[in-house]
Amino acid sequence: MAVAKPPLQTAAVLLLLLLVVAAASWLQTVDAASGFCSSKCSVRCGRAASARARGACMRSCGLCCEECNCVPTRPPRDVNECPCYRDMLTAGPRKRPKCP
């Protein structure tokens, strides 16, 4: 006797439902992290000389914060505070600190 298989449509609907639930969970995590990073980076980049420099600082800081889940409190970097953020370097032959 052959085992009855669920119709293809039912499997597709279940897969779609699973993807929607996973995406919703991921978006909630990203939104929470973004709020955290946005507030921390605005404090860190608040003293930038111009609006253009502040925008560049916010972009870099946001990327670093999203990856490291932390932002050091002040630009003079404390040796023990947020080592992931502190040690992140740019790509290419000339390695420079990536995070402001």
N, C-alpha and C. Protein backbone atom coordinates (compact mmCIF):
# COMPACT_ATOMS: atom_id res chain seq x y z
N MET A 1 0.83 -1.17 0.00
CA MET A 1 0.00 0.00 0.00
C MET A 1 0.89 1.24 0.00
N ALA A 2 0.47 2.20 -0.72
CA ALA A 2 1.21 3.46 -0.81
C ALA A 2 0.74 4.40 0.31
N VAL A 3 1.68 5.15 0.84
CA VAL A 3 1.36 6.13 1.88
C VAL A 3 0.85 7.40 1.20
N ALA A 4 -0.22 7.94 1.70
CA ALA A 4 -0.79 9.16 1.11
C ALA A 4 0.11 10.34 1.44
N LYS A 5 0.45 11.12 0.43
CA LYS A 5 1.27 12.31 0.62
C LYS A 5 0.36 13.54 0.65
N PRO A 6 0.73 14.57 1.45
CA PRO A 6 -0.10 15.77 1.46
C PRO A 6 -0.01 16.46 0.10
N PRO A 7 -1.07 17.11 -0.31
CA PRO A 7 -1.04 17.80 -1.59
C PRO A 7 0.06 18.85 -1.61
N LEU A 8 0.57 19.11 -2.78
CA LEU A 8 1.64 20.08 -2.97
C LEU A 8 1.22 21.46 -2.49
N GLN A 9 -0.03 21.80 -2.69
CA GLN A 9 -0.53 23.11 -2.27
C GLN A 9 -0.46 23.27 -0.75
N THR A 10 -0.81 22.25 -0.02
CA THR A 10 -0.76 22.31 1.44
C THR A 10 0.68 22.49 1.92
N ALA A 11 1.59 21.77 1.32
CA ALA A 11 3.00 21.90 1.69
C ALA A 11 3.51 23.30 1.38
N ALA A 12 3.10 23.86 0.25
CA ALA A 12 3.54 25.21 -0.12
C ALA A 12 3.00 26.25 0.87
N VAL A 13 1.75 26.09 1.28
CA VAL A 13 1.15 27.03 2.24
C VAL A 13 1.86 26.93 3.58
N LEU A 14 2.16 25.73 4.03
CA LEU A 14 2.87 25.56 5.30
C LEU A 14 4.27 26.16 5.24
N LEU A 15 4.95 25.97 4.12
CA LEU A 15 6.28 26.56 3.95
C LEU A 15 6.20 28.08 3.95
N LEU A 16 5.23 28.64 3.28
CA LEU A 16 5.06 30.08 3.24
C LEU A 16 4.77 30.63 4.64
N LEU A 17 3.93 29.94 5.38
CA LEU A 17 3.61 30.35 6.74
C LEU A 17 4.85 30.34 7.62
N LEU A 18 5.65 29.30 7.49
CA LEU A 18 6.89 29.20 8.26
C LEU A 18 7.85 30.35 7.92
N LEU A 19 7.95 30.69 6.65
CA LEU A 19 8.81 31.80 6.23
C LEU A 19 8.32 33.14 6.78
N VAL A 20 7.02 33.35 6.78
CA VAL A 20 6.45 34.59 7.31
C VAL A 20 6.75 34.73 8.80
N VAL A 21 6.57 33.65 9.54
CA VAL A 21 6.85 33.68 10.98
C VAL A 21 8.33 33.95 11.25
N ALA A 22 9.20 33.30 10.49
CA ALA A 22 10.65 33.52 10.66
C ALA A 22 11.03 34.95 10.31
N ALA A 23 10.46 35.50 9.24
CA ALA A 23 10.77 36.87 8.83
C ALA A 23 10.28 37.87 9.88
N ALA A 24 9.10 37.65 10.43
CA ALA A 24 8.57 38.55 11.46
C ALA A 24 9.46 38.55 12.69
N SER A 25 9.92 37.39 13.10
CA SER A 25 10.81 37.28 14.25
C SER A 25 12.13 38.01 13.98
N TRP A 26 12.68 37.83 12.78
CA TRP A 26 13.93 38.48 12.41
C TRP A 26 13.77 39.99 12.39
N LEU A 27 12.65 40.49 11.84
CA LEU A 27 12.43 41.94 11.77
C LEU A 27 12.30 42.55 13.15
N GLN A 28 11.66 41.86 14.09
CA GLN A 28 11.56 42.38 15.45
C GLN A 28 12.94 42.50 16.07
N THR A 29 13.81 41.54 15.85
CA THR A 29 15.17 41.59 16.37
C THR A 29 15.94 42.74 15.76
N VAL A 30 15.83 42.92 14.46
CA VAL A 30 16.54 44.00 13.77
C VAL A 30 16.04 45.35 14.26
N ASP A 31 14.71 45.51 14.41
CA ASP A 31 14.17 46.78 14.89
C ASP A 31 14.67 47.11 16.29
N ALA A 32 14.72 46.13 17.16
CA ALA A 32 15.21 46.36 18.52
C ALA A 32 16.67 46.75 18.49
N ALA A 33 17.47 46.06 17.69
CA ALA A 33 18.89 46.39 17.60
C ALA A 33 19.08 47.76 16.98
N SER A 34 18.27 48.09 15.98
CA SER A 34 18.40 49.38 15.31
C SER A 34 18.10 50.52 16.27
N GLY A 35 17.09 50.37 17.12
CA GLY A 35 16.78 51.40 18.10
C GLY A 35 17.92 51.58 19.09
N PHE A 36 18.48 50.48 19.54
CA PHE A 36 19.62 50.53 20.44
C PHE A 36 20.80 51.22 19.76
N CYS A 37 21.11 50.77 18.54
CA CYS A 37 22.27 51.32 17.83
C CYS A 37 22.06 52.77 17.47
N SER A 38 20.85 53.13 17.07
CA SER A 38 20.57 54.50 16.70
C SER A 38 20.81 55.45 17.87
N SER A 39 20.33 55.08 19.05
CA SER A 39 20.50 55.95 20.21
C SER A 39 21.97 56.04 20.64
N LYS A 40 22.65 54.90 20.64
CA LYS A 40 24.06 54.90 21.04
C LYS A 40 24.92 55.67 20.03
N CYS A 41 24.66 55.47 18.74
CA CYS A 41 25.47 56.15 17.71
C CYS A 41 25.18 57.64 17.64
N SER A 42 23.96 58.05 17.94
CA SER A 42 23.67 59.48 17.92
C SER A 42 24.43 60.20 19.03
N VAL A 43 24.60 59.54 20.16
CA VAL A 43 25.41 60.12 21.24
C VAL A 43 26.88 60.16 20.81
N ARG A 44 27.36 59.07 20.24
CA ARG A 44 28.76 58.97 19.84
C ARG A 44 29.10 59.94 18.71
N CYS A 45 28.19 60.13 17.76
CA CYS A 45 28.47 60.97 16.59
C CYS A 45 27.94 62.40 16.75
N GLY A 46 27.40 62.71 17.91
CA GLY A 46 26.78 64.02 18.13
C GLY A 46 27.71 65.20 18.01
N ARG A 47 29.00 65.02 18.20
CA ARG A 47 29.94 66.14 18.15
C ARG A 47 30.61 66.30 16.79
N ALA A 48 30.13 65.59 15.77
CA ALA A 48 30.73 65.72 14.44
C ALA A 48 30.60 67.16 13.96
N ALA A 49 31.60 67.62 13.23
CA ALA A 49 31.69 69.02 12.84
C ALA A 49 30.57 69.47 11.92
N SER A 50 30.14 68.64 10.99
CA SER A 50 29.11 69.05 10.04
C SER A 50 28.06 67.96 9.93
N ALA A 51 26.96 68.31 9.27
CA ALA A 51 25.89 67.33 9.07
C ALA A 51 26.39 66.18 8.19
N ARG A 52 27.22 66.46 7.22
CA ARG A 52 27.76 65.42 6.35
C ARG A 52 28.64 64.45 7.14
N ALA A 53 29.51 65.00 8.00
CA ALA A 53 30.38 64.16 8.83
C ALA A 53 29.55 63.34 9.82
N ARG A 54 28.48 63.95 10.34
CA ARG A 54 27.61 63.26 11.28
C ARG A 54 26.90 62.09 10.58
N GLY A 55 26.47 62.31 9.34
CA GLY A 55 25.81 61.25 8.58
C GLY A 55 26.75 60.08 8.31
N ALA A 56 28.00 60.41 7.92
CA ALA A 56 28.99 59.36 7.67
C ALA A 56 29.30 58.59 8.95
N CYS A 57 29.42 59.31 10.06
CA CYS A 57 29.68 58.68 11.35
C CYS A 57 28.52 57.76 11.74
N MET A 58 27.28 58.22 11.54
CA MET A 58 26.11 57.42 11.90
C MET A 58 26.04 56.14 11.07
N ARG A 59 26.35 56.24 9.76
CA ARG A 59 26.33 55.04 8.91
C ARG A 59 27.36 54.02 9.37
N SER A 60 28.60 54.49 9.58
CA SER A 60 29.67 53.57 10.01
C SER A 60 29.39 53.00 11.38
N CYS A 61 28.99 53.84 12.30
CA CYS A 61 28.70 53.40 13.66
C CYS A 61 27.55 52.40 13.65
N GLY A 62 26.51 52.66 12.85
CA GLY A 62 25.37 51.76 12.78
C GLY A 62 25.75 50.38 12.29
N LEU A 63 26.59 50.32 11.24
CA LEU A 63 27.05 49.04 10.72
C LEU A 63 27.87 48.28 11.76
N CYS A 64 28.77 48.99 12.42
CA CYS A 64 29.60 48.35 13.45
C CYS A 64 28.76 47.88 14.63
N CYS A 65 27.82 48.70 15.04
CA CYS A 65 26.96 48.36 16.18
C CYS A 65 26.09 47.15 15.86
N GLU A 66 25.53 47.10 14.66
CA GLU A 66 24.69 45.96 14.28
C GLU A 66 25.48 44.66 14.34
N GLU A 67 26.76 44.72 13.95
CA GLU A 67 27.58 43.51 13.96
C GLU A 67 28.06 43.16 15.37
N CYS A 68 28.43 44.17 16.15
CA CYS A 68 29.02 43.92 17.47
C CYS A 68 28.03 43.96 18.63
N ASN A 69 26.86 44.56 18.42
CA ASN A 69 25.85 44.73 19.47
C ASN A 69 26.35 45.58 20.63
N CYS A 70 27.25 46.50 20.34
CA CYS A 70 27.71 47.44 21.36
C CYS A 70 28.36 48.64 20.68
N VAL A 71 28.44 49.73 21.43
CA VAL A 71 29.11 50.95 20.98
C VAL A 71 29.85 51.51 22.19
N PRO A 72 31.15 51.80 22.06
CA PRO A 72 31.86 52.41 23.19
C PRO A 72 31.25 53.77 23.52
N THR A 73 31.36 54.18 24.76
CA THR A 73 30.71 55.42 25.19
C THR A 73 31.35 56.67 24.60
N ARG A 74 32.66 56.73 24.49
CA ARG A 74 33.32 57.94 24.00
C ARG A 74 34.32 57.58 22.91
N PRO A 75 34.59 58.53 21.98
CA PRO A 75 35.59 58.27 20.94
C PRO A 75 36.97 57.89 21.45
N PRO A 76 37.51 58.52 22.51
CA PRO A 76 38.78 57.97 23.01
C PRO A 76 38.48 56.57 23.54
N ARG A 77 38.84 55.59 22.79
CA ARG A 77 38.41 54.21 23.05
C ARG A 77 39.04 53.63 24.31
N ASP A 78 38.17 53.17 25.19
CA ASP A 78 38.61 52.45 26.38
C ASP A 78 39.08 51.06 25.92
N VAL A 79 40.19 50.62 26.41
CA VAL A 79 40.79 49.37 25.97
C VAL A 79 39.86 48.18 26.19
N ASN A 80 39.11 48.16 27.25
CA ASN A 80 38.27 47.00 27.58
C ASN A 80 36.83 47.13 27.13
N GLU A 81 36.44 48.28 26.62
CA GLU A 81 35.04 48.51 26.28
C GLU A 81 34.75 48.16 24.82
N CYS A 82 33.91 47.20 24.59
CA CYS A 82 33.45 46.79 23.27
C CYS A 82 34.60 46.46 22.33
N PRO A 83 35.35 45.39 22.59
CA PRO A 83 36.51 45.05 21.76
C PRO A 83 36.17 44.74 20.31
N CYS A 84 34.99 44.20 20.03
CA CYS A 84 34.59 43.92 18.65
C CYS A 84 34.55 45.22 17.85
N TYR A 85 33.90 46.24 18.39
CA TYR A 85 33.77 47.54 17.75
C TYR A 85 35.16 48.17 17.59
N ARG A 86 35.94 48.10 18.63
CA ARG A 86 37.28 48.71 18.65
C ARG A 86 38.21 48.08 17.63
N ASP A 87 38.15 46.76 17.47
CA ASP A 87 39.12 46.05 16.64
C ASP A 87 38.69 45.83 15.20
N MET A 88 37.50 46.27 14.81
CA MET A 88 37.05 46.06 13.43
C MET A 88 37.86 46.94 12.48
N LEU A 89 38.38 46.32 11.41
CA LEU A 89 39.23 47.04 10.46
C LEU A 89 38.60 47.04 9.06
N THR A 90 39.01 48.02 8.25
CA THR A 90 38.53 48.10 6.87
C THR A 90 39.15 46.99 6.04
N ALA A 91 38.54 46.70 4.89
CA ALA A 91 39.07 45.70 3.97
C ALA A 91 40.16 46.33 3.12
N GLY A 92 40.94 45.52 2.48
CA GLY A 92 41.98 46.02 1.59
C GLY A 92 43.35 45.96 2.23
N PRO A 93 44.36 46.38 1.46
CA PRO A 93 45.74 46.27 1.96
C PRO A 93 46.05 47.23 3.10
N ARG A 94 45.41 48.40 3.10
CA ARG A 94 45.65 49.39 4.16
C ARG A 94 44.58 49.24 5.23
N LYS A 95 44.90 48.54 6.28
CA LYS A 95 43.92 48.30 7.37
C LYS A 95 43.84 49.53 8.26
N ARG A 96 42.60 50.05 8.38
CA ARG A 96 42.34 51.19 9.26
C ARG A 96 41.15 50.84 10.14
N PRO A 97 41.00 51.51 11.26
CA PRO A 97 39.81 51.26 12.08
C PRO A 97 38.55 51.56 11.27
N LYS A 98 37.60 50.64 11.25
CA LYS A 98 36.38 50.81 10.47
C LYS A 98 35.35 51.63 11.23
N CYS A 99 35.34 51.51 12.52
CA CYS A 99 34.27 52.11 13.33
C CYS A 99 34.74 53.44 13.91
N PRO A 100 33.85 54.46 13.84
CA PRO A 100 34.22 55.77 14.39
C PRO A 100 34.25 55.77 15.90
